C-alpha atoms as a PDB file:
ATOM      1  CA  MET A   1      19.009  16.743  -0.508  1.00  0.00           C
ATOM      2  CA  GLU A   2      18.583  19.528   2.032  1.00  0.00           C
ATOM      3  CA  ARG A   3      16.835  18.857   5.355  1.00  0.00           C
ATOM      4  CA  LYS A   4      14.074  21.365   4.517  1.00  0.00           C
ATOM      5  CA  GLU A   5      13.339  19.458   1.304  1.00  0.00           C
ATOM      6  CA  VAL A   6      13.125  16.172   3.246  1.00  0.00           C
ATOM      7  CA  GLU A   7      10.726  17.822   5.704  1.00  0.00           C
ATOM      8  CA  GLU A   8       8.518  19.124   2.899  1.00  0.00           C
ATOM      9  CA  LYS A   9       8.384  15.736   1.176  1.00  0.00           C
ATOM     10  CA  ILE A  10       7.447  13.990   4.422  1.00  0.00           C
ATOM     11  CA  TYR A  11       4.742  16.572   5.119  1.00  0.00           C
ATOM     12  CA  ASN A  12       3.378  15.864   1.625  1.00  0.00           C
ATOM     13  CA  ILE A  13       3.450  12.092   2.183  1.00  0.00           C
ATOM     14  CA  VAL A  14       1.738  12.281   5.578  1.00  0.00           C
ATOM     15  CA  SER A  15      -0.853  14.769   4.327  1.00  0.00           C
ATOM     16  CA  GLU A  16      -1.627  12.612   1.283  1.00  0.00           C
ATOM     17  CA  ILE A  17      -1.979   9.368   3.247  1.00  0.00           C
ATOM     18  CA  ILE A  18      -3.693  10.624   6.406  1.00  0.00           C
ATOM     19  CA  GLY A  19      -5.551  13.602   4.969  1.00  0.00           C
ATOM     20  CA  THR A  20      -4.312  16.141   7.507  1.00  0.00           C
ATOM     21  CA  PRO A  21      -3.557  19.532   5.919  1.00  0.00           C
ATOM     22  CA  LYS A  22       0.185  20.189   5.668  1.00  0.00           C
ATOM     23  CA  ASP A  23      -0.113  23.463   7.571  1.00  0.00           C
ATOM     24  CA  GLU A  24      -1.289  21.499  10.629  1.00  0.00           C
ATOM     25  CA  LEU A  25       1.807  19.264  10.648  1.00  0.00           C
ATOM     26  CA  THR A  26       5.001  20.028  12.560  1.00  0.00           C
ATOM     27  CA  LEU A  27       8.159  18.111  13.367  1.00  0.00           C
ATOM     28  CA  LYS A  28       6.659  17.349  16.793  1.00  0.00           C
ATOM     29  CA  THR A  29       3.480  15.838  15.316  1.00  0.00           C
ATOM     30  CA  THR A  30       3.256  12.198  16.406  1.00  0.00           C
ATOM     31  CA  PHE A  31       1.843   9.554  14.111  1.00  0.00           C
ATOM     32  CA  ILE A  32      -0.185   7.639  16.693  1.00  0.00           C
ATOM     33  CA  HIS A  33      -1.225  10.229  19.285  1.00  0.00           C
ATOM     34  CA  ASP A  34      -1.657  13.363  17.145  1.00  0.00           C
ATOM     35  CA  LEU A  35      -2.695  11.822  13.830  1.00  0.00           C
ATOM     36  CA  CYS A  36      -4.408   8.672  15.175  1.00  0.00           C
ATOM     37  CA  ALA A  37      -2.551   6.558  12.604  1.00  0.00           C
ATOM     38  CA  ASP A  38      -2.978   2.813  12.909  1.00  0.00           C
ATOM     39  CA  SER A  39      -0.258   0.296  12.082  1.00  0.00           C
ATOM     40  CA  LEU A  40      -1.374  -0.110   8.454  1.00  0.00           C
ATOM     41  CA  THR A  41      -1.295   3.643   7.913  1.00  0.00           C
ATOM     42  CA  ILE A  42       2.202   3.826   9.378  1.00  0.00           C
ATOM     43  CA  VAL A  43       3.298   1.009   7.045  1.00  0.00           C
ATOM     44  CA  ASP A  44       1.899   3.040   4.116  1.00  0.00           C
ATOM     45  CA  ILE A  45       3.837   6.130   5.231  1.00  0.00           C
ATOM     46  CA  VAL A  46       7.079   4.158   5.657  1.00  0.00           C
ATOM     47  CA  SER A  47       6.624   2.453   2.282  1.00  0.00           C
ATOM     48  CA  LYS A  48       6.016   5.772   0.531  1.00  0.00           C
ATOM     49  CA  CYS A  49       9.096   7.271   2.233  1.00  0.00           C
ATOM     50  CA  GLU A  50      11.162   4.316   1.029  1.00  0.00           C
ATOM     51  CA  ASP A  51       9.951   4.911  -2.535  1.00  0.00           C
ATOM     52  CA  VAL A  52      10.385   8.679  -2.504  1.00  0.00           C
ATOM     53  CA  PHE A  53      13.823   8.694  -0.851  1.00  0.00           C
ATOM     54  CA  GLN A  54      15.038   5.396  -2.382  1.00  0.00           C
ATOM     55  CA  ILE A  55      16.078   3.913   0.960  1.00  0.00           C
ATOM     56  CA  ASN A  56      15.137   0.859   3.007  1.00  0.00           C
ATOM     57  CA  ILE A  57      13.688   1.400   6.473  1.00  0.00           C
ATOM     58  CA  SER A  58      13.812  -1.619   8.775  1.00  0.00           C
ATOM     59  CA  ASP A  59      10.767  -2.591  10.819  1.00  0.00           C
ATOM     60  CA  GLU A  60      12.733  -1.839  13.970  1.00  0.00           C
ATOM     61  CA  GLN A  61      13.628   1.643  12.781  1.00  0.00           C
ATOM     62  CA  ALA A  62      10.063   2.308  11.635  1.00  0.00           C
ATOM     63  CA  GLU A  63       8.836   1.453  15.141  1.00  0.00           C
ATOM     64  CA  ASN A  64      11.256   4.024  16.568  1.00  0.00           C
ATOM     65  CA  MET A  65       9.808   6.798  14.383  1.00  0.00           C
ATOM     66  CA  LYS A  66       7.167   8.248  16.686  1.00  0.00           C
ATOM     67  CA  SER A  67       6.972  11.715  15.134  1.00  0.00           C
ATOM     68  CA  ILE A  68       7.497  13.462  11.832  1.00  0.00           C
ATOM     69  CA  GLY A  69      10.734  14.865  13.276  1.00  0.00           C
ATOM     70  CA  ASP A  70      11.966  11.332  14.025  1.00  0.00           C
ATOM     71  CA  ALA A  71      11.287  10.361  10.415  1.00  0.00           C
ATOM     72  CA  VAL A  72      13.069  13.453   9.087  1.00  0.00           C
ATOM     73  CA  ASP A  73      16.099  12.812  11.322  1.00  0.00           C
ATOM     74  CA  TYR A  74      16.358   9.167  10.278  1.00  0.00           C
ATOM     75  CA  ILE A  75      15.906   9.816   6.557  1.00  0.00           C
ATOM     76  CA  CYS A  76      18.417  12.687   6.599  1.00  0.00           C
ATOM     77  CA  SER A  77      20.957  10.448   8.345  1.00  0.00           C
ATOM     78  CA  ARG A  78      20.408   7.724   5.741  1.00  0.00           C
ATOM     79  CA  LEU A  79      20.732  10.159   2.842  1.00  0.00           C
ATOM     80  CA  VAL A  80      23.983  11.563   4.247  1.00  0.00           C
ATOM     81  CA  GLY A  81      25.251   8.023   4.859  1.00  0.00           C
ATOM     82  CA  SER A  82      24.436   6.938   1.304  1.00  0.00           C
ATOM     83  CA  LYS A  83      26.439   9.852  -0.140  1.00  0.00           C
ATOM     84  CA  LYS A  84      29.550   8.632   1.672  1.00  0.00           C
ATOM     85  CA  LYS A  85      29.381   5.190   0.047  1.00  0.00           C
END
């Protein structure tokens, strides 16, 4: 899966769960400060990403994902890593 496709899917997930229009989201958009997401909302986003991308995201890694760009970077690295297996 191409990085741009990962970005688009994450924008869709975040927009669907938080209700922010996709055109207002960027890679620098932070979940807590920019989107005012609480911990339950972040869990929902992580869970949906796990389902969509068929990966597991540890609690520790989820806590390190502060922005949409962080999520894209992590998911892309996991998808590349899973192709090598």
